[in-house]
Amino acid sequence: MPLTAVYELDTESARELANKTVHTVMHLGWARGANGDYELQMTVLVKLNGWFGRLYMSAIAPFRYLIVYPALTRQWERV
């Protein structure tokens, strides 16, 4: 199930996903860093749905942090 666009601007975007395990919103935005260059920042807000949601998210946590989030970040940096 793909993320649904909530809004998209030139420098930021918010996307949403809701299913039986979670309701989540991901925000991506370009922010000026200390050295003046722009860097991509990502925030993900997650509300777990019930005991199955808690169990499922615990089980896939390593996959999300090692594979999914870095891949999303690289994709946005290329754009």
C-alpha atoms as a PDB file:
ATOM      1  CA  MET A   1       0.000   0.000   0.000  1.00  0.00           C
ATOM      2  CA  PRO A   2       1.709   3.241  -1.094  1.00  0.00           C
ATOM      3  CA  LEU A   3       1.814   6.436   0.927  1.00  0.00           C
ATOM      4  CA  THR A   4      -0.864   8.956  -0.024  1.00  0.00           C
ATOM      5  CA  ALA A   5       0.204  12.559  -0.607  1.00  0.00           C
ATOM      6  CA  VAL A   6      -1.234  14.940   1.984  1.00  0.00           C
ATOM      7  CA  TYR A   7       0.560  17.930   0.487  1.00  0.00           C
ATOM      8  CA  GLU A   8       3.633  18.617  -1.628  1.00  0.00           C
ATOM      9  CA  LEU A   9       5.576  21.854  -2.057  1.00  0.00           C
ATOM     10  CA  ASP A  10       8.941  22.613  -3.661  1.00  0.00           C
ATOM     11  CA  THR A  11      10.845  22.107  -0.391  1.00  0.00           C
ATOM     12  CA  GLU A  12       8.639  19.787   1.645  1.00  0.00           C
ATOM     13  CA  SER A  13       6.127  16.987   1.442  1.00  0.00           C
ATOM     14  CA  ALA A  14       3.810  15.078   3.780  1.00  0.00           C
ATOM     15  CA  ARG A  15       2.481  11.589   3.085  1.00  0.00           C
ATOM     16  CA  GLU A  16       0.068   9.363   4.995  1.00  0.00           C
ATOM     17  CA  LEU A  17      -0.573   5.649   5.422  1.00  0.00           C
ATOM     18  CA  ALA A  18      -3.389   4.054   7.414  1.00  0.00           C
ATOM     19  CA  ASN A  19      -4.034   0.329   7.762  1.00  0.00           C
ATOM     20  CA  LYS A  20      -4.894  -2.270  10.433  1.00  0.00           C
ATOM     21  CA  THR A  21      -1.480  -1.989  12.116  1.00  0.00           C
ATOM     22  CA  VAL A  22      -0.657   1.742  12.037  1.00  0.00           C
ATOM     23  CA  HIS A  23      -1.704   5.234  11.078  1.00  0.00           C
ATOM     24  CA  THR A  24       1.395   7.186  10.054  1.00  0.00           C
ATOM     25  CA  VAL A  25       2.381  10.532   8.566  1.00  0.00           C
ATOM     26  CA  MET A  26       5.834  11.121   7.062  1.00  0.00           C
ATOM     27  CA  HIS A  27       7.172  14.649   6.565  1.00  0.00           C
ATOM     28  CA  LEU A  28      10.195  15.333   4.344  1.00  0.00           C
ATOM     29  CA  GLY A  29      11.696  18.781   4.071  1.00  0.00           C
ATOM     30  CA  TRP A  30      14.850  20.578   2.996  1.00  0.00           C
ATOM     31  CA  ALA A  31      16.409  22.654   5.786  1.00  0.00           C
ATOM     32  CA  ARG A  32      19.488  24.885   5.730  1.00  0.00           C
ATOM     33  CA  GLY A  33      22.300  23.292   7.727  1.00  0.00           C
ATOM     34  CA  ALA A  34      24.955  24.981   9.863  1.00  0.00           C
ATOM     35  CA  ASN A  35      27.347  25.227   6.888  1.00  0.00           C
ATOM     36  CA  GLY A  36      24.698  26.892   4.676  1.00  0.00           C
ATOM     37  CA  ASP A  37      24.006  23.827   2.536  1.00  0.00           C
ATOM     38  CA  TYR A  38      20.572  22.271   2.427  1.00  0.00           C
ATOM     39  CA  GLU A  39      20.001  18.875   3.973  1.00  0.00           C
ATOM     40  CA  LEU A  40      17.004  16.587   3.843  1.00  0.00           C
ATOM     41  CA  GLN A  41      15.189  16.044   7.137  1.00  0.00           C
ATOM     42  CA  MET A  42      12.549  13.407   7.717  1.00  0.00           C
ATOM     43  CA  THR A  43      10.060  12.973  10.534  1.00  0.00           C
ATOM     44  CA  VAL A  44       7.701  10.034  10.847  1.00  0.00           C
ATOM     45  CA  LEU A  45       4.771  10.088  13.251  1.00  0.00           C
ATOM     46  CA  VAL A  46       3.235   6.699  13.991  1.00  0.00           C
ATOM     47  CA  LYS A  47       0.142   5.705  15.941  1.00  0.00           C
ATOM     48  CA  LEU A  48      -0.008   1.960  16.489  1.00  0.00           C
ATOM     49  CA  ASN A  49      -3.354   0.200  16.135  1.00  0.00           C
ATOM     50  CA  GLY A  50      -3.824  -2.436  18.863  1.00  0.00           C
ATOM     51  CA  TRP A  51      -1.637  -5.279  20.046  1.00  0.00           C
ATOM     52  CA  PHE A  52      -0.996  -6.577  16.528  1.00  0.00           C
ATOM     53  CA  GLY A  53       0.286  -3.171  15.462  1.00  0.00           C
ATOM     54  CA  ARG A  54       2.723  -3.089  18.393  1.00  0.00           C
ATOM     55  CA  LEU A  55       3.951  -6.617  17.672  1.00  0.00           C
ATOM     56  CA  TYR A  56       4.310  -6.005  13.937  1.00  0.00           C
ATOM     57  CA  MET A  57       6.178  -2.702  14.297  1.00  0.00           C
ATOM     58  CA  SER A  58       8.598  -4.228  16.816  1.00  0.00           C
ATOM     59  CA  ALA A  59       9.323  -7.091  14.448  1.00  0.00           C
ATOM     60  CA  ILE A  60      10.065  -4.903  11.421  1.00  0.00           C
ATOM     61  CA  ALA A  61      11.959  -2.091  13.217  1.00  0.00           C
ATOM     62  CA  PRO A  62      15.440  -3.193  12.040  1.00  0.00           C
ATOM     63  CA  PHE A  63      14.242  -3.440   8.427  1.00  0.00           C
ATOM     64  CA  ARG A  64      12.733   0.077   8.559  1.00  0.00           C
ATOM     65  CA  TYR A  65      15.824   1.741   9.996  1.00  0.00           C
ATOM     66  CA  LEU A  66      18.430  -0.151   7.966  1.00  0.00           C
ATOM     67  CA  ILE A  67      16.703  -0.377   4.573  1.00  0.00           C
ATOM     68  CA  VAL A  68      13.442   1.569   4.146  1.00  0.00           C
ATOM     69  CA  TYR A  69      14.277   4.985   5.609  1.00  0.00           C
ATOM     70  CA  PRO A  70      17.744   5.264   4.025  1.00  0.00           C
ATOM     71  CA  ALA A  71      16.298   4.265   0.619  1.00  0.00           C
ATOM     72  CA  LEU A  72      13.554   6.900   0.892  1.00  0.00           C
ATOM     73  CA  THR A  73      16.106   9.531   1.856  1.00  0.00           C
ATOM     74  CA  ARG A  74      18.376   8.679  -1.097  1.00  0.00           C
ATOM     75  CA  GLN A  75      15.404   8.812  -3.479  1.00  0.00           C
ATOM     76  CA  TRP A  76      14.422  12.282  -2.308  1.00  0.00           C
ATOM     77  CA  GLU A  77      18.015  13.548  -2.435  1.00  0.00           C
ATOM     78  CA  ARG A  78      18.230  12.480  -6.098  1.00  0.00           C
ATOM     79  CA  VAL A  79      15.072  14.425  -6.916  1.00  0.00           C
END
